[in-house]
Amino acid sequence: MLPLDVSAATNIHALALLEGDPELSAVYKHILRLDPAGQRFGAVLRDTIDQLLNGEVTGRYDWKTLFKTEKTHAGTLVEINLQREFTFDDGIDMDYRIAGVDVDCKYSQQFGAWMIPPEAMGHLCLLVWADDYKSRWSAGLLRIMPDWLNKGNNRDLKLTVKAEHRNKILWLWRDADLPENVLLHMEEADREAVIAPKSGQARLNELFRRAQNRRIGRSVVRTVAQQKDYMKRVRGNGGARSALKEEGIIIMGDYGSHRRIAAELGLPVPREGEFVSTRLIEVTHGRNGQPSVHLDGRMWACARSGEVSPAAPSLPSHSE
């Protein structure tokens, strides 16, 4: 019997393996039950990259600025953080024990460059890839077979999967969206304007002013603020919400009420630990079908280029 969702199995080879390998099927089903949409898995990869960048202390936002030793450590951190998130048991011979099966975990920032150790022969491997520049990630399962590997000559005798045999990988998620590293993907002029001010508060104000209508993760806020009390710098009472209110800009967080407002405005809905800013303008009902929301007794929509915004309405508290 096939697993709950075979849509990730993109070719006949993977489907045949799935039907003929009960351990592969069991591990596949178990992981998809834990994370059907892959949101938890993607969040772990986002958090791991941010952990390596350590932007709150270093101000870094670009993978290329990591030291070689830090990049080498990425695989270990992915392995640890996935185990912590999903509470996988320790393996007997491999990294994890999932659904009673030993599974090794291998991460690569370059697709296809997973380094397979000799002791993984015959075992299942969880192959993970993430690319911050493409904002994409993948994770799949492969039973390691000698004929499917390139012959290596490094001192650890680690091998890579032959390109022609990558179709044997049973993908759990393929080319999924990696939560965006907003600083990395901003226009250069906007990024320079964000990081230029000496004050952490001024930098955050500029971030929410220039990165509107897109999800901004908490790690980006930490990197820009470079202050321990970074969350205070977002809120009202002197934070970015107060500073930008007169410009008509609101900053929605992951509260239920804020998520509802973002959805009604047709904007990306903030997920846990995320923010979305936008500039509003007061409208009457039926502005060419543009999404609108009722706040402070008036109707509001996202302002268009050239429109002058009044002061923004107040957002409901997290308890509303």
Protein backbone atom coordinates (compact mmCIF):
# COMPACT_ATOMS: atom_id res chain seq x y z
CA MET A 1 0.00 0.00 0.00
CA LEU A 2 1.36 3.43 -0.92
CA PRO A 3 1.97 6.19 1.67
CA LEU A 4 -0.58 8.85 2.49
CA ASP A 5 0.70 11.23 -0.18
CA VAL A 6 2.64 10.03 -3.19
CA SER A 7 2.62 13.40 -4.97
CA ALA A 8 6.25 13.94 -3.90
CA ALA A 9 7.27 10.78 -5.75
CA THR A 10 7.94 12.32 -9.12
CA ASN A 11 8.87 9.31 -11.21
CA ILE A 12 8.26 5.63 -11.74
CA HIS A 13 11.58 4.64 -10.15
CA ALA A 14 10.63 6.24 -6.84
CA LEU A 15 7.17 4.68 -6.86
CA ALA A 16 8.65 1.25 -7.51
CA LEU A 17 11.11 1.70 -4.64
CA LEU A 18 8.30 2.83 -2.37
CA GLU A 19 6.24 -0.27 -3.05
CA GLY A 20 9.23 -2.59 -2.68
CA ASP A 21 10.85 -1.10 0.44
CA PRO A 22 8.67 -1.30 3.59
CA GLU A 23 11.23 0.62 5.68
CA LEU A 24 11.36 3.44 3.15
CA SER A 25 7.57 3.56 3.10
CA ALA A 26 7.36 3.61 6.91
CA VAL A 27 9.84 6.47 7.29
CA TYR A 28 8.20 8.44 4.47
CA LYS A 29 4.73 8.12 6.03
CA HIS A 30 6.00 8.99 9.50
CA ILE A 31 7.72 12.22 8.45
CA LEU A 32 4.74 13.38 6.38
CA ARG A 33 2.42 12.73 9.32
CA LEU A 34 4.62 14.94 11.49
CA ASP A 35 4.78 17.73 8.92
CA PRO A 36 2.28 17.34 6.05
CA ALA A 37 3.03 20.71 4.43
CA GLY A 38 6.73 20.87 5.26
CA GLN A 39 6.36 24.14 7.16
CA ARG A 40 8.18 22.88 10.24
CA PHE A 41 10.99 21.42 8.17
CA GLY A 42 11.42 24.64 6.17
CA ALA A 43 11.41 26.70 9.37
CA VAL A 44 14.20 24.54 10.81
CA LEU A 45 16.33 25.18 7.72
CA ARG A 46 15.63 28.92 7.86
CA ASP A 47 16.51 29.03 11.57
CA THR A 48 19.68 26.98 11.04
CA ILE A 49 21.00 29.31 8.33
CA ASP A 50 20.19 32.27 10.56
CA GLN A 51 21.90 30.56 13.49
CA LEU A 52 25.07 30.28 11.42
CA LEU A 53 24.86 33.89 10.23
CA ASN A 54 24.30 35.08 13.84
CA GLY A 55 23.16 38.44 12.51
CA GLU A 56 22.28 39.90 15.91
CA VAL A 57 25.98 39.81 16.82
CA THR A 58 27.72 39.95 13.43
CA GLY A 59 25.28 41.87 11.22
CA ARG A 60 25.74 39.17 8.54
CA TYR A 61 22.91 38.20 6.20
CA ASP A 62 24.78 36.50 3.32
CA TRP A 63 25.91 32.84 3.28
CA LYS A 64 29.04 33.86 1.33
CA THR A 65 30.28 35.80 4.36
CA LEU A 66 30.49 32.67 6.52
CA PHE A 67 33.86 31.18 7.34
CA LYS A 68 34.70 27.83 5.79
CA THR A 69 34.52 26.16 9.19
CA GLU A 70 31.03 27.59 9.75
CA LYS A 71 29.81 26.25 6.41
CA THR A 72 31.27 22.85 7.27
CA HIS A 73 29.34 22.92 10.55
CA ALA A 74 26.03 23.54 8.76
CA GLY A 75 25.33 19.84 8.22
CA THR A 76 25.78 19.05 11.89
CA LEU A 77 23.46 21.89 12.91
CA VAL A 78 20.76 20.79 10.43
CA GLU A 79 20.98 17.26 11.84
CA ILE A 80 20.74 18.50 15.44
CA ASN A 81 17.96 21.00 14.82
CA LEU A 82 15.81 18.54 12.88
CA GLN A 83 16.15 16.01 15.69
CA ARG A 84 15.21 18.65 18.24
CA GLU A 85 12.16 19.79 16.22
CA PHE A 86 10.80 16.32 15.44
CA THR A 87 12.16 14.46 18.50
CA PHE A 88 13.63 11.69 16.37
CA ASP A 89 15.22 8.96 18.47
CA ASP A 90 18.97 8.43 18.26
CA GLY A 91 19.88 5.84 15.67
CA ILE A 92 21.74 2.63 16.41
CA ASP A 93 24.22 2.94 13.55
CA MET A 94 22.95 6.10 11.85
CA ASP A 95 21.91 9.57 13.07
CA TYR A 96 18.22 8.92 13.71
CA ARG A 97 15.78 6.12 14.34
CA ILE A 98 12.49 6.98 12.59
CA ALA A 99 9.53 4.58 12.65
CA GLY A 100 11.94 1.95 13.99
CA VAL A 101 14.36 2.43 11.07
CA ASP A 102 17.93 3.76 11.18
CA VAL A 103 18.22 6.89 8.99
CA ASP A 104 21.30 9.01 8.29
CA CYS A 105 20.94 12.78 7.70
CA LYS A 106 22.98 14.58 5.06
CA TYR A 107 22.73 18.28 4.23
CA SER A 108 24.27 20.19 1.32
CA GLN A 109 23.95 23.80 0.26
CA GLN A 110 24.81 22.62 -3.26
CA PHE A 111 22.17 20.37 -4.74
CA GLY A 112 23.46 16.84 -5.27
CA ALA A 113 26.66 17.30 -3.25
CA TRP A 114 25.61 15.19 -0.28
CA MET A 115 28.64 13.37 1.13
CA ILE A 116 27.71 9.75 1.87
CA PRO A 117 29.99 7.86 4.31
CA PRO A 118 30.87 4.17 3.74
CA GLU A 119 28.97 3.12 6.87
CA ALA A 120 25.70 4.36 5.30
CA MET A 121 25.74 1.64 2.63
CA GLY A 122 22.42 -0.18 2.61
CA HIS A 123 20.83 2.32 4.98
CA LEU A 124 18.27 5.04 4.34
CA CYS A 125 19.53 8.61 4.07
CA LEU A 126 17.50 11.78 4.56
CA LEU A 127 19.01 14.09 1.92
CA VAL A 128 18.44 17.78 2.60
CA TRP A 129 19.25 20.80 0.43
CA ALA A 130 18.59 24.51 0.97
CA ASP A 131 19.70 27.55 -1.02
CA ASP A 132 19.21 30.98 0.51
CA TYR A 133 19.82 32.71 -2.83
CA LYS A 134 17.07 30.76 -4.57
CA SER A 135 14.83 30.65 -1.46
CA ARG A 136 14.25 26.96 -2.13
CA TRP A 137 14.77 23.72 -0.24
CA SER A 138 14.24 20.00 -0.77
CA ALA A 139 14.29 16.86 1.36
CA GLY A 140 14.06 13.27 0.22
CA LEU A 141 14.85 9.69 1.16
CA LEU A 142 17.28 7.35 -0.58
CA ARG A 143 18.36 3.80 0.11
CA ILE A 144 22.14 3.97 -0.35
CA MET A 145 23.36 1.47 -2.97
CA PRO A 146 27.03 1.24 -4.05
CA ASP A 147 26.26 1.36 -7.78
CA TRP A 148 24.36 4.63 -7.38
CA LEU A 149 27.37 6.52 -5.98
CA ASN A 150 30.33 8.27 -7.55
CA LYS A 151 33.67 6.88 -6.47
CA GLY A 152 35.25 9.34 -4.08
CA ASN A 153 38.86 10.06 -3.38
CA ASN A 154 38.66 12.26 -0.30
CA ARG A 155 40.37 11.10 2.86
CA ASP A 156 37.06 10.23 4.55
CA LEU A 157 36.11 7.99 1.59
CA LYS A 158 32.77 9.80 1.35
CA LEU A 159 30.87 9.49 -1.92
CA THR A 160 28.22 11.47 -3.80
CA VAL A 161 25.05 10.31 -5.55
CA LYS A 162 25.46 9.93 -9.31
CA ALA A 163 23.36 12.46 -11.21
CA GLU A 164 21.67 9.73 -13.24
CA HIS A 165 20.53 8.02 -10.04
CA ARG A 166 19.02 11.04 -8.29
CA ASN A 167 15.71 9.89 -9.75
CA LYS A 168 15.84 7.14 -7.13
CA ILE A 169 15.35 9.74 -4.40
CA LEU A 170 11.84 9.70 -2.94
CA TRP A 171 11.12 13.37 -2.38
CA LEU A 172 9.21 14.41 0.69
CA TRP A 173 9.30 18.00 -0.54
CA ARG A 174 10.95 19.23 -3.75
CA ASP A 175 11.85 22.87 -4.43
CA ALA A 176 9.69 24.10 -1.58
CA ASP A 177 9.71 27.78 -0.60
CA LEU A 178 12.39 28.63 1.96
CA PRO A 179 11.22 31.54 4.17
CA GLU A 180 12.82 34.56 2.53
CA ASN A 181 15.98 36.20 3.78
CA VAL A 182 14.63 39.69 3.11
CA LEU A 183 17.93 41.52 3.56
CA LEU A 184 19.62 39.24 1.05
CA HIS A 185 16.90 39.73 -1.56
CA MET A 186 16.29 43.48 -1.23
CA GLU A 187 17.41 45.86 -3.96
CA GLU A 188 20.93 46.99 -3.14
CA ALA A 189 19.93 50.66 -2.74
CA ASP A 190 17.16 49.70 -0.31
CA ARG A 191 19.46 47.40 1.67
CA GLU A 192 22.10 50.12 1.95
CA ALA A 193 19.46 52.58 3.17
CA VAL A 194 18.37 50.07 5.82
CA ILE A 195 21.83 49.34 7.21
CA ALA A 196 23.22 52.88 6.96
CA PRO A 197 21.73 54.53 10.11
CA LYS A 198 23.76 54.26 13.30
CA SER A 199 20.66 53.73 15.44
CA GLY A 200 19.09 50.28 15.57
CA GLN A 201 15.65 51.87 15.82
CA ALA A 202 16.27 53.98 12.71
CA ARG A 203 17.43 50.88 10.82
CA LEU A 204 14.28 48.99 11.77
CA ASN A 205 12.08 51.92 10.75
CA GLU A 206 13.76 51.92 7.35
CA LEU A 207 13.38 48.15 7.02
CA PHE A 208 9.61 48.26 7.51
CA ARG A 209 9.37 51.34 5.28
CA ARG A 210 11.23 49.72 2.37
CA ALA A 211 10.29 46.03 2.66
CA GLN A 212 6.52 46.39 2.50
CA ASN A 213 4.01 43.69 1.58
CA ARG A 214 6.41 40.81 2.23
CA ARG A 215 7.06 38.56 5.20
CA ILE A 216 9.93 39.73 7.41
CA GLY A 217 11.28 37.08 9.76
CA ARG A 218 12.31 37.74 13.33
CA SER A 219 15.94 36.90 12.47
CA VAL A 220 15.99 39.77 9.95
CA VAL A 221 14.66 42.09 12.65
CA ARG A 222 17.40 40.90 15.02
CA THR A 223 20.08 41.40 12.37
CA VAL A 224 18.93 44.93 11.55
CA ALA A 225 18.38 46.03 15.14
CA GLN A 226 21.48 44.33 16.60
CA GLN A 227 19.98 44.92 20.04
CA LYS A 228 18.79 42.52 22.72
CA ASP A 229 15.43 44.28 23.03
CA TYR A 230 14.74 44.11 19.30
CA MET A 231 11.05 43.23 19.77
CA LYS A 232 10.51 46.42 21.75
CA ARG A 233 11.86 48.29 18.72
CA VAL A 234 9.02 46.95 16.56
CA ARG A 235 6.08 47.66 18.86
CA GLY A 236 4.23 50.89 19.52
CA ASN A 237 5.15 53.18 22.40
CA GLY A 238 8.27 54.43 20.68
CA GLY A 239 8.99 51.51 18.33
CA ALA A 240 8.65 51.25 14.56
CA ARG A 241 4.84 51.04 14.74
CA SER A 242 4.75 54.46 16.39
CA ALA A 243 7.42 55.98 14.15
CA LEU A 244 5.75 54.90 10.90
CA LYS A 245 2.12 55.49 11.87
CA GLU A 246 2.15 59.10 10.62
CA GLU A 247 3.31 57.78 7.21
CA GLY A 248 0.26 55.52 7.06
CA ILE A 249 2.28 52.35 7.61
CA ILE A 250 1.09 49.52 9.82
CA ILE A 251 3.17 46.53 10.93
CA MET A 252 1.26 43.30 11.41
CA GLY A 253 2.65 40.48 13.53
CA ASP A 254 1.66 36.86 14.03
CA TYR A 255 -1.31 37.62 16.31
CA GLY A 256 -4.59 36.18 15.10
CA SER A 257 -6.13 39.63 14.67
CA HIS A 258 -3.16 40.86 12.65
CA ARG A 259 -3.18 37.76 10.47
CA ARG A 260 -6.85 38.36 9.73
CA ILE A 261 -6.12 41.96 8.67
CA ALA A 262 -3.32 40.84 6.36
CA ALA A 263 -5.58 38.22 4.78
CA GLU A 264 -8.39 40.75 4.25
CA LEU A 265 -5.93 43.13 2.58
CA GLY A 266 -4.76 40.36 0.27
CA LEU A 267 -1.23 40.41 1.70
CA PRO A 268 1.08 37.58 2.74
CA VAL A 269 -0.13 36.41 6.15
CA PRO A 270 2.56 36.58 8.86
CA ARG A 271 3.55 33.15 10.13
CA GLU A 272 5.01 32.52 13.57
CA GLY A 273 7.76 35.05 14.28
CA GLU A 274 7.06 37.10 11.15
CA PHE A 275 5.90 40.65 10.37
CA VAL A 276 4.31 42.28 7.32
CA SER A 277 4.22 46.06 6.85
CA THR A 278 2.06 48.00 4.41
CA ARG A 279 0.98 51.58 3.76
CA LEU A 280 -2.76 52.21 3.95
CA ILE A 281 -5.17 54.73 2.53
CA GLU A 282 -8.78 55.33 3.56
CA VAL A 283 -11.28 54.16 0.95
CA THR A 284 -14.98 53.90 0.35
CA HIS A 285 -16.64 50.56 -0.31
CA GLY A 286 -16.12 49.08 -3.76
CA ARG A 287 -12.81 50.61 -4.83
CA ASN A 288 -12.59 48.52 -8.01
CA GLY A 289 -12.77 45.37 -5.94
CA GLN A 290 -9.50 46.13 -4.12
CA PRO A 291 -9.25 44.19 -0.84
CA SER A 292 -10.04 46.37 2.16
CA VAL A 293 -10.36 46.09 5.92
CA HIS A 294 -12.40 47.84 8.61
CA LEU A 295 -10.23 49.52 11.28
CA ASP A 296 -11.00 52.36 13.69
CA GLY A 297 -14.48 52.69 12.23
CA ARG A 298 -13.23 53.29 8.66
CA MET A 299 -12.35 51.26 5.58
CA TRP A 300 -8.73 50.95 4.51
CA ALA A 301 -6.86 49.49 1.55
CA CYS A 302 -3.20 49.24 0.59
CA ALA A 303 -2.08 52.56 -0.85
CA ARG A 304 -1.06 52.75 -4.47
CA SER A 305 2.05 54.49 -5.75
CA GLY A 306 1.61 58.24 -5.64
CA GLU A 307 -1.27 58.19 -3.18
CA VAL A 308 -0.78 60.26 -0.03
CA SER A 309 -1.60 58.37 3.15
CA PRO A 310 -3.10 59.85 6.29
CA ALA A 311 -1.97 58.60 9.67
CA ALA A 312 -2.52 54.84 9.90
CA PRO A 313 -5.28 53.37 12.04
CA SER A 314 -4.43 51.59 15.26
CA LEU A 315 -4.08 47.82 15.10
CA PRO A 316 -6.05 45.66 17.52
CA SER A 317 -4.14 44.20 20.42
CA HIS A 318 -3.07 40.53 20.37
CA SER A 319 -6.04 39.62 22.61
CA GLU A 320 -8.62 40.91 20.11
